[in-house]
């Protein structure tokens, strides 16, 4: 597409009737969004520029050229058609898909999901994706792939990411996902998930889905308590989880799972959202260890900060600063107007940890950039007096 100065007719230019040609406005030129390399080649090879003086093409031009041009325009695909082709990769009934090895299938799934992610970030494409039946395909991919040693961890993570993206689009789409029970499925999957990446992506999906439930007040207390309990498992660098073996309730084992900083931050954000929407969940949260987890995060941050040298502090703590800020905001929401929780904080000497945080924030960072954080710390400090 021409992006330079406005296109103007030559001075004293006339048409075949001898009438003066008036230059067109830029918005009068209607060009396709994506002309493609083939069509671009046609335009360049069939141009008489710089000697073009008339709008009529030479009569000796091969008519087949114009057939090719019409075919090129017919072959231009919109995003909906492209997404439909991507969905065909997940169709196990197609012979070309049945012949793939497990590894080949996973690789194709991952590539397709990553490409879909690009398209569905557009709200119109997200709506079209639903119309062509894309949501049930993604829901199916949330469960482990049969025959895969890893269970298709990356596939499940990418499928959850795609659903999270679609959920953030608009209310009608969120209502559709609600009607399919995607939130319940995501919660059930997270309860038995052990891969750190997949756990984090499922938590993000739950957070996105819950926004609609909270806004419409369609949630029930039992599922909120379950989500609080699951979110609490993210409130430490490492968590010990008890998982079932081969879906046998009587056979379980304990596994140690690492939590990343981003996953911890997401859990804090989700918990704060739940406490605001449903204050009744605070008591359950304290019983299942949420308060201890939040205090532990603040203590862990202070310990890391003290061990860091001057040259490594900035690089080491950037993401952790965001994490501890979210932990403190959530902790303030949890203990506000709760004398029992405040007393537990005092017993764990949280006041000393808050003082350390205030000292770090005011001396090592620019206070003007952290006014909200300082206010949160001061509010916690006042509750602990």
Protein backbone atom coordinates (compact mmCIF):
# COMPACT_ATOMS: atom_id res chain seq x y z
CA UNK A 1 0.00 0.00 0.00
CA UNK A 2 1.29 3.49 -0.88
CA UNK A 3 2.30 5.32 2.30
CA UNK A 4 4.10 8.38 0.92
CA UNK A 5 2.74 11.73 -0.25
CA UNK A 6 -0.82 11.87 -1.66
CA UNK A 7 -1.12 10.53 -5.20
CA UNK A 8 -1.84 13.36 -7.64
CA UNK A 9 -2.58 13.49 -11.35
CA UNK A 10 0.02 15.09 -13.59
CA UNK A 11 -0.45 18.77 -14.39
CA UNK A 12 -2.83 19.34 -17.33
CA UNK A 13 -3.69 15.62 -17.45
CA UNK A 14 -6.81 14.80 -19.46
CA UNK A 15 -8.86 11.69 -20.13
CA UNK A 16 -9.78 10.25 -23.54
CA UNK A 17 -12.62 12.75 -23.84
CA UNK A 18 -10.29 15.68 -23.32
CA UNK A 19 -11.67 16.42 -19.85
CA UNK A 20 -9.31 17.41 -17.07
CA UNK A 21 -8.55 14.61 -14.63
CA UNK A 22 -9.11 15.59 -11.01
CA UNK A 23 -6.89 13.92 -8.42
CA UNK A 24 -8.60 11.39 -6.15
CA UNK A 25 -8.65 11.68 -2.40
CA UNK A 26 -6.71 8.99 -0.56
CA UNK A 27 -9.85 7.54 1.02
CA UNK A 28 -11.29 6.96 -2.48
CA UNK A 29 -8.65 4.32 -3.20
CA UNK A 30 -10.10 0.97 -2.05
CA UNK A 31 -7.31 -1.54 -1.64
CA UNK A 32 -7.47 -5.07 -0.17
CA UNK A 33 -5.99 -5.43 3.33
CA UNK A 34 -3.63 -8.16 2.19
CA UNK A 35 -2.86 -8.33 -1.53
CA UNK A 36 -0.43 -11.22 -1.07
CA UNK A 37 2.92 -11.78 -2.81
CA UNK A 38 1.38 -13.20 -6.00
CA UNK A 39 -0.99 -10.30 -6.54
CA UNK A 40 1.77 -7.83 -5.75
CA UNK A 41 3.94 -9.46 -8.41
CA UNK A 42 1.12 -9.16 -10.95
CA UNK A 43 0.68 -5.47 -10.22
CA UNK A 44 4.38 -4.76 -10.59
CA UNK A 45 4.92 -6.77 -13.77
CA UNK A 46 1.83 -5.35 -15.51
CA UNK A 47 2.51 -1.72 -14.79
CA UNK A 48 3.59 0.70 -17.53
CA UNK A 49 5.06 3.12 -14.98
CA UNK A 50 6.82 5.54 -15.34
CA UNK A 51 5.40 5.99 -18.87
CA UNK A 52 1.75 5.29 -18.01
CA UNK A 53 -0.36 8.08 -19.51
CA UNK A 54 -3.71 6.43 -20.13
CA UNK A 55 -5.94 4.32 -17.93
CA UNK A 56 -6.75 1.89 -20.79
CA UNK A 57 -4.50 -1.18 -20.86
CA UNK A 58 -2.95 -2.32 -24.19
CA UNK A 59 -5.23 -4.54 -26.26
CA UNK A 60 -2.53 -7.14 -26.86
CA UNK A 61 -2.41 -8.19 -23.18
CA UNK A 62 -3.18 -11.88 -22.64
CA UNK A 63 -6.77 -12.35 -21.32
CA UNK A 64 -5.48 -15.22 -19.17
CA UNK A 65 -3.69 -12.61 -17.07
CA UNK A 66 -7.05 -11.26 -15.99
CA UNK A 67 -8.34 -14.75 -15.22
CA UNK A 68 -5.34 -15.17 -12.95
CA UNK A 69 -6.07 -11.82 -11.34
CA UNK A 70 -9.67 -12.81 -10.60
CA UNK A 71 -8.43 -16.10 -9.15
CA UNK A 72 -5.93 -14.24 -6.96
CA UNK A 73 -8.72 -12.14 -5.50
CA UNK A 74 -10.90 -15.21 -4.98
CA UNK A 75 -8.04 -16.90 -3.09
CA UNK A 76 -7.67 -14.08 -0.59
CA UNK A 77 -8.78 -15.59 2.74
CA UNK A 78 -10.30 -13.78 5.65
CA UNK A 79 -9.27 -14.58 9.21
CA UNK A 80 -12.29 -16.81 9.79
CA UNK A 81 -11.23 -19.14 6.96
CA UNK A 82 -7.68 -19.22 8.27
CA UNK A 83 -8.90 -20.13 11.77
CA UNK A 84 -11.14 -22.84 10.33
CA UNK A 85 -8.15 -24.39 8.56
CA UNK A 86 -6.20 -24.32 11.83
CA UNK A 87 -9.04 -26.12 13.59
CA UNK A 88 -8.91 -28.90 10.98
CA UNK A 89 -5.52 -29.86 12.40
CA UNK A 90 -7.28 -31.03 15.58
CA UNK A 91 -9.78 -33.18 13.66
CA UNK A 92 -8.72 -36.75 14.45
CA UNK A 93 -11.06 -38.17 11.81
CA UNK A 94 -8.99 -36.77 8.95
CA UNK A 95 -6.63 -39.40 7.44
CA UNK A 96 -3.69 -36.99 7.29
CA UNK A 97 -4.00 -36.44 11.06
CA UNK A 98 -4.41 -40.11 11.92
CA UNK A 99 -1.06 -40.96 10.34
CA UNK A 100 0.87 -38.55 12.61
CA UNK A 101 3.07 -39.80 15.42
CA UNK A 102 2.35 -38.56 18.95
CA UNK A 103 5.29 -36.15 18.77
CA UNK A 104 4.27 -34.83 15.35
CA UNK A 105 0.72 -34.35 16.55
CA UNK A 106 1.81 -32.39 19.62
CA UNK A 107 4.08 -30.15 17.56
CA UNK A 108 1.30 -29.40 15.07
CA UNK A 109 -1.15 -28.71 17.89
CA UNK A 110 1.25 -26.30 19.59
CA UNK A 111 1.98 -24.43 16.35
CA UNK A 112 -1.73 -24.16 15.56
CA UNK A 113 -2.65 -22.94 19.04
CA UNK A 114 0.08 -20.31 19.01
CA UNK A 115 -1.21 -19.08 15.63
CA UNK A 116 -4.80 -19.06 16.87
CA UNK A 117 -3.70 -16.97 19.82
CA UNK A 118 -2.66 -14.25 17.38
CA UNK A 119 -6.05 -14.20 15.63
CA UNK A 120 -8.40 -14.38 18.62
CA UNK A 121 -6.83 -11.38 20.33
CA UNK A 122 -9.08 -9.42 17.96
CA UNK A 123 -12.61 -9.27 19.40
CA UNK A 124 -14.27 -9.79 16.00
CA UNK A 125 -12.12 -12.83 15.33
CA UNK A 126 -12.98 -14.17 18.79
CA UNK A 127 -16.67 -14.03 17.87
CA UNK A 128 -16.02 -15.72 14.53
CA UNK A 129 -13.96 -18.39 16.28
CA UNK A 130 -16.98 -19.29 18.37
CA UNK A 131 -19.25 -19.39 15.31
CA UNK A 132 -17.00 -21.92 13.55
CA UNK A 133 -17.07 -24.22 16.59
CA UNK A 134 -13.64 -23.47 18.04
CA UNK A 135 -14.51 -23.43 21.76
CA UNK A 136 -15.37 -27.16 22.12
CA UNK A 137 -12.05 -27.97 20.44
CA UNK A 138 -10.13 -25.90 22.98
CA UNK A 139 -12.10 -27.38 25.89
CA UNK A 140 -11.17 -30.89 24.74
CA UNK A 141 -7.49 -29.89 24.64
CA UNK A 142 -7.57 -28.93 28.33
CA UNK A 143 -7.38 -32.61 29.24
CA UNK A 144 -4.20 -34.70 28.81
CA UNK A 145 -3.51 -36.07 25.33
CA UNK A 146 -3.78 -39.84 25.08
CA UNK A 147 -0.55 -41.63 24.23
CA UNK A 148 1.65 -38.70 25.21
CA UNK A 149 4.26 -39.26 27.88
CA UNK A 150 3.96 -35.67 29.09
CA UNK A 151 0.20 -35.66 28.57
CA UNK A 152 0.67 -32.78 26.16
CA UNK A 153 1.57 -30.23 28.85
CA UNK A 154 2.35 -27.45 26.38
CA UNK A 155 -0.84 -28.18 24.44
CA UNK A 156 -2.97 -27.86 27.59
CA UNK A 157 -1.17 -24.68 28.59
CA UNK A 158 -1.69 -23.09 25.17
CA UNK A 159 -5.34 -24.16 25.03
CA UNK A 160 -5.93 -22.54 28.43
CA UNK A 161 -4.18 -19.38 27.21
CA UNK A 162 -6.43 -19.21 24.15
CA UNK A 163 -9.54 -19.60 26.29
CA UNK A 164 -8.29 -16.90 28.68
CA UNK A 165 -7.83 -14.53 25.76
CA UNK A 166 -11.32 -15.21 24.41
CA UNK A 167 -12.86 -14.82 27.87
CA UNK A 168 -11.51 -11.28 28.14
CA UNK A 169 -13.26 -10.21 24.94
CA UNK A 170 -16.84 -9.24 25.75
CA UNK A 171 -19.76 -10.21 27.96
CA UNK A 172 -21.67 -12.26 25.37
CA UNK A 173 -18.61 -14.46 24.86
CA UNK A 174 -18.14 -14.79 28.62
CA UNK A 175 -21.79 -15.79 28.97
CA UNK A 176 -21.32 -18.48 26.32
CA UNK A 177 -18.31 -19.95 28.13
CA UNK A 178 -20.28 -19.82 31.37
CA UNK A 179 -23.10 -21.82 29.76
CA UNK A 180 -20.59 -24.51 28.74
CA UNK A 181 -19.33 -24.90 32.31
CA UNK A 182 -15.75 -24.04 31.44
CA UNK A 183 -15.07 -22.65 34.93
CA UNK A 184 -16.02 -25.92 36.64
CA UNK A 185 -13.85 -27.87 34.20
CA UNK A 186 -10.86 -25.57 34.73
CA UNK A 187 -11.17 -25.90 38.51
CA UNK A 188 -11.36 -29.70 38.32
CA UNK A 189 -8.33 -29.85 36.04
CA UNK A 190 -6.28 -27.58 38.30
CA UNK A 191 -7.10 -29.78 41.29
CA UNK A 192 -5.15 -32.65 39.71
CA UNK A 193 -2.59 -30.74 37.66
CA UNK A 194 1.10 -31.08 38.59
CA UNK A 195 2.91 -29.31 35.74
CA UNK A 196 3.95 -25.80 36.95
CA UNK A 197 3.33 -24.07 33.60
CA UNK A 198 -0.07 -25.67 33.09
CA UNK A 199 -1.07 -24.88 36.69
CA UNK A 200 -0.29 -21.20 36.14
CA UNK A 201 -2.21 -21.04 32.84
CA UNK A 202 -5.23 -22.76 34.40
CA UNK A 203 -5.15 -20.26 37.25
CA UNK A 204 -5.19 -17.40 34.72
CA UNK A 205 -8.14 -19.01 32.95
CA UNK A 206 -10.05 -19.35 36.22
CA UNK A 207 -9.36 -15.71 37.04
CA UNK A 208 -10.68 -14.60 33.65
CA UNK A 209 -13.79 -16.75 33.91
CA UNK A 210 -14.51 -15.70 37.48
CA UNK A 211 -14.69 -12.02 36.52
CA UNK A 212 -17.97 -12.72 34.70
CA UNK A 213 -19.30 -14.87 37.55
CA UNK A 214 -18.59 -12.10 40.07
CA UNK A 215 -20.08 -9.38 37.89
CA UNK A 216 -23.27 -11.40 37.34
CA UNK A 217 -23.30 -12.82 40.89
CA UNK A 218 -23.69 -16.33 39.46
CA UNK A 219 -21.00 -17.95 41.60
CA UNK A 220 -21.68 -20.27 44.54
CA UNK A 221 -19.75 -20.24 47.77
CA UNK A 222 -18.46 -23.79 47.45
CA UNK A 223 -16.61 -23.16 44.18
CA UNK A 224 -15.21 -19.90 45.56
CA UNK A 225 -13.80 -21.76 48.55
CA UNK A 226 -12.28 -24.34 46.21
CA UNK A 227 -10.65 -21.59 44.15
CA UNK A 228 -9.34 -19.92 47.32
CA UNK A 229 -7.81 -23.22 48.41
CA UNK A 230 -6.23 -23.80 44.99
CA UNK A 231 -4.90 -20.24 44.84
CA UNK A 232 -3.33 -20.67 48.26
CA UNK A 233 -1.18 -23.51 46.87
CA UNK A 234 0.60 -20.85 44.81
CA UNK A 235 1.58 -18.70 47.80
CA UNK A 236 5.05 -20.18 48.30
CA UNK A 237 8.04 -20.90 46.05
CA UNK A 238 7.47 -24.63 46.52
CA UNK A 239 4.31 -26.51 47.45
CA UNK A 240 3.70 -30.13 48.45
CA UNK A 241 0.62 -31.54 46.73
CA UNK A 242 -1.08 -34.89 47.19
CA UNK A 243 -2.19 -36.35 43.89
CA UNK A 244 -4.06 -39.49 42.87
CA UNK A 245 -2.43 -42.38 41.04
CA UNK A 246 -4.29 -43.70 37.98
CA UNK A 247 -7.56 -42.06 39.11
CA UNK A 248 -7.68 -44.42 42.08
CA UNK A 249 -8.89 -42.54 45.17
CA UNK A 250 -7.20 -45.03 47.47
CA UNK A 251 -3.78 -44.62 45.84
CA UNK A 252 -2.07 -41.23 46.27
CA UNK A 253 1.41 -39.80 46.59
CA UNK A 254 2.94 -36.44 47.50
CA UNK A 255 4.85 -34.39 44.95
CA UNK A 256 6.83 -31.17 45.31
CA UNK A 257 5.98 -28.47 42.74
CA UNK A 258 7.73 -25.17 42.10
CA UNK A 259 5.73 -21.94 41.74
CA UNK A 260 7.02 -19.11 39.58
CA UNK A 261 6.86 -15.44 40.55
CA UNK A 262 4.21 -14.72 37.90
CA UNK A 263 2.01 -17.55 39.17
CA UNK A 264 2.28 -16.25 42.74
CA UNK A 265 1.34 -12.74 41.58
CA UNK A 266 -1.71 -14.09 39.71
CA UNK A 267 -2.84 -16.01 42.78
CA UNK A 268 -2.61 -12.89 44.96
CA UNK A 269 -4.59 -10.90 42.41
CA UNK A 270 -7.28 -13.58 42.19
CA UNK A 271 -7.59 -13.91 45.96
CA UNK A 272 -7.96 -10.16 46.38
CA UNK A 273 -10.71 -10.16 43.75
CA UNK A 274 -12.56 -12.93 45.60
CA UNK A 275 -12.26 -11.25 49.00
CA UNK A 276 -13.75 -8.04 47.61
CA UNK A 277 -16.63 -9.85 45.89
CA UNK A 278 -17.34 -12.28 48.72
CA UNK A 279 -16.03 -11.21 52.17
CA UNK A 280 -17.47 -14.42 53.65
CA UNK A 281 -14.64 -16.38 52.05
CA UNK A 282 -12.03 -14.68 54.27
CA UNK A 283 -12.60 -16.99 57.24
CA UNK A 284 -12.20 -20.06 55.06
CA UNK A 285 -9.06 -18.54 53.52
CA UNK A 286 -7.46 -18.07 56.93
CA UNK A 287 -8.28 -21.66 57.89
CA UNK A 288 -6.71 -23.09 54.72
CA UNK A 289 -3.46 -21.13 55.19
CA UNK A 290 -3.87 -18.09 52.95
CA UNK A 291 -2.82 -15.65 55.67
CA UNK A 292 0.27 -17.68 56.51
CA UNK A 293 1.15 -17.87 52.83
CA UNK A 294 0.92 -14.09 52.34
CA UNK A 295 3.00 -13.37 55.43
CA UNK A 296 5.55 -15.93 54.26
CA UNK A 297 5.88 -14.14 50.89
CA UNK A 298 6.64 -10.83 52.61
CA UNK A 299 9.23 -12.45 54.86
CA UNK A 300 10.82 -14.27 51.90
CA UNK A 301 11.06 -11.01 49.94
CA UNK A 302 12.79 -9.24 52.82
CA UNK A 303 15.25 -12.09 53.19
CA UNK A 304 16.12 -12.04 49.48
CA UNK A 305 16.44 -8.26 49.52
CA UNK A 306 18.88 -8.37 52.42
CA UNK A 307 21.00 -11.02 50.69
CA UNK A 308 21.14 -9.19 47.36
CA UNK A 309 24.13 -7.04 46.56
CA UNK A 310 23.81 -3.50 45.24
CA UNK A 311 24.70 -4.57 41.70
CA UNK A 312 22.11 -7.33 41.52
CA UNK A 313 19.21 -5.78 43.42
CA UNK A 314 17.47 -4.17 40.43
CA UNK A 315 17.69 -7.19 38.13
CA UNK A 316 16.83 -9.66 40.88
CA UNK A 317 13.88 -7.89 42.44
CA UNK A 318 11.92 -6.26 39.62
CA UNK A 319 9.33 -9.02 39.24
CA UNK A 320 9.49 -9.88 42.93
CA UNK A 321 8.61 -6.30 43.85
CA UNK A 322 5.41 -6.62 41.84
CA UNK A 323 4.71 -9.95 43.53
CA UNK A 324 5.15 -8.69 47.07
CA UNK A 325 3.04 -5.60 46.32
CA UNK A 326 0.13 -7.83 45.26
CA UNK A 327 0.66 -10.00 48.35
CA UNK A 328 0.46 -6.95 50.61
CA UNK A 329 -2.67 -5.60 48.92
CA UNK A 330 -4.33 -9.00 49.34
CA UNK A 331 -3.18 -9.30 52.95
CA UNK A 332 -4.64 -5.87 53.77
CA UNK A 333 -7.96 -6.90 52.25
CA UNK A 334 -7.89 -10.17 54.22
CA UNK A 335 -7.15 -8.75 57.69
CA UNK A 336 -9.23 -5.56 57.45
CA UNK A 337 -11.90 -5.57 60.18
CA UNK A 338 -10.80 -9.05 61.27
CA UNK A 339 -9.37 -8.97 64.80
CA UNK A 340 -8.52 -12.66 64.79
CA UNK A 341 -6.43 -12.30 61.63
CA UNK A 342 -4.74 -9.18 62.97
CA UNK A 343 -3.79 -11.05 66.12
CA UNK A 344 -2.21 -13.83 64.06
CA UNK A 345 -0.17 -11.22 62.20
CA UNK A 346 1.08 -9.82 65.46
CA UNK A 347 2.07 -13.27 66.68
CA UNK A 348 4.18 -13.72 63.54
CA UNK A 349 5.80 -10.31 64.09
CA UNK A 350 4.53 -8.94 60.81
CA UNK A 351 5.09 -5.37 62.04
CA UNK A 352 8.85 -5.87 61.79
CA UNK A 353 8.54 -7.16 58.25
CA UNK A 354 6.37 -4.20 57.23
CA UNK A 355 8.98 -1.80 58.66
CA UNK A 356 11.64 -3.51 56.57
CA UNK A 357 9.46 -3.14 53.49
CA UNK A 358 8.90 0.56 54.17
CA UNK A 359 12.62 1.11 54.62
CA UNK A 360 13.43 -0.70 51.38
CA UNK A 361 10.75 1.14 49.40
CA UNK A 362 11.66 4.62 50.63
CA UNK A 363 15.45 4.22 50.47
CA UNK A 364 16.10 1.91 47.50
CA UNK A 365 13.25 2.98 45.23
CA UNK A 366 11.77 6.28 44.08
CA UNK A 367 8.99 7.00 46.62
CA UNK A 368 7.03 9.04 44.08
CA UNK A 369 6.68 5.94 41.91
CA UNK A 370 5.53 3.81 44.84
CA UNK A 371 3.05 6.07 46.64
CA UNK A 372 0.25 3.48 46.49
CA UNK A 373 2.57 0.77 47.78
CA UNK A 374 3.73 2.95 50.68
CA UNK A 375 0.11 3.74 51.51
CA UNK A 376 -0.73 0.02 51.59
CA UNK A 377 2.18 -0.68 53.93
CA UNK A 378 1.18 2.18 56.22
CA UNK A 379 -2.40 0.90 56.31
CA UNK A 380 -1.19 -2.56 57.36
CA UNK A 381 1.09 -0.97 59.93
CA UNK A 382 -1.79 0.99 61.46
CA UNK A 383 -3.92 -2.15 61.78
CA UNK A 384 -1.12 -3.93 63.65
CA UNK A 385 -0.70 -1.27 66.36
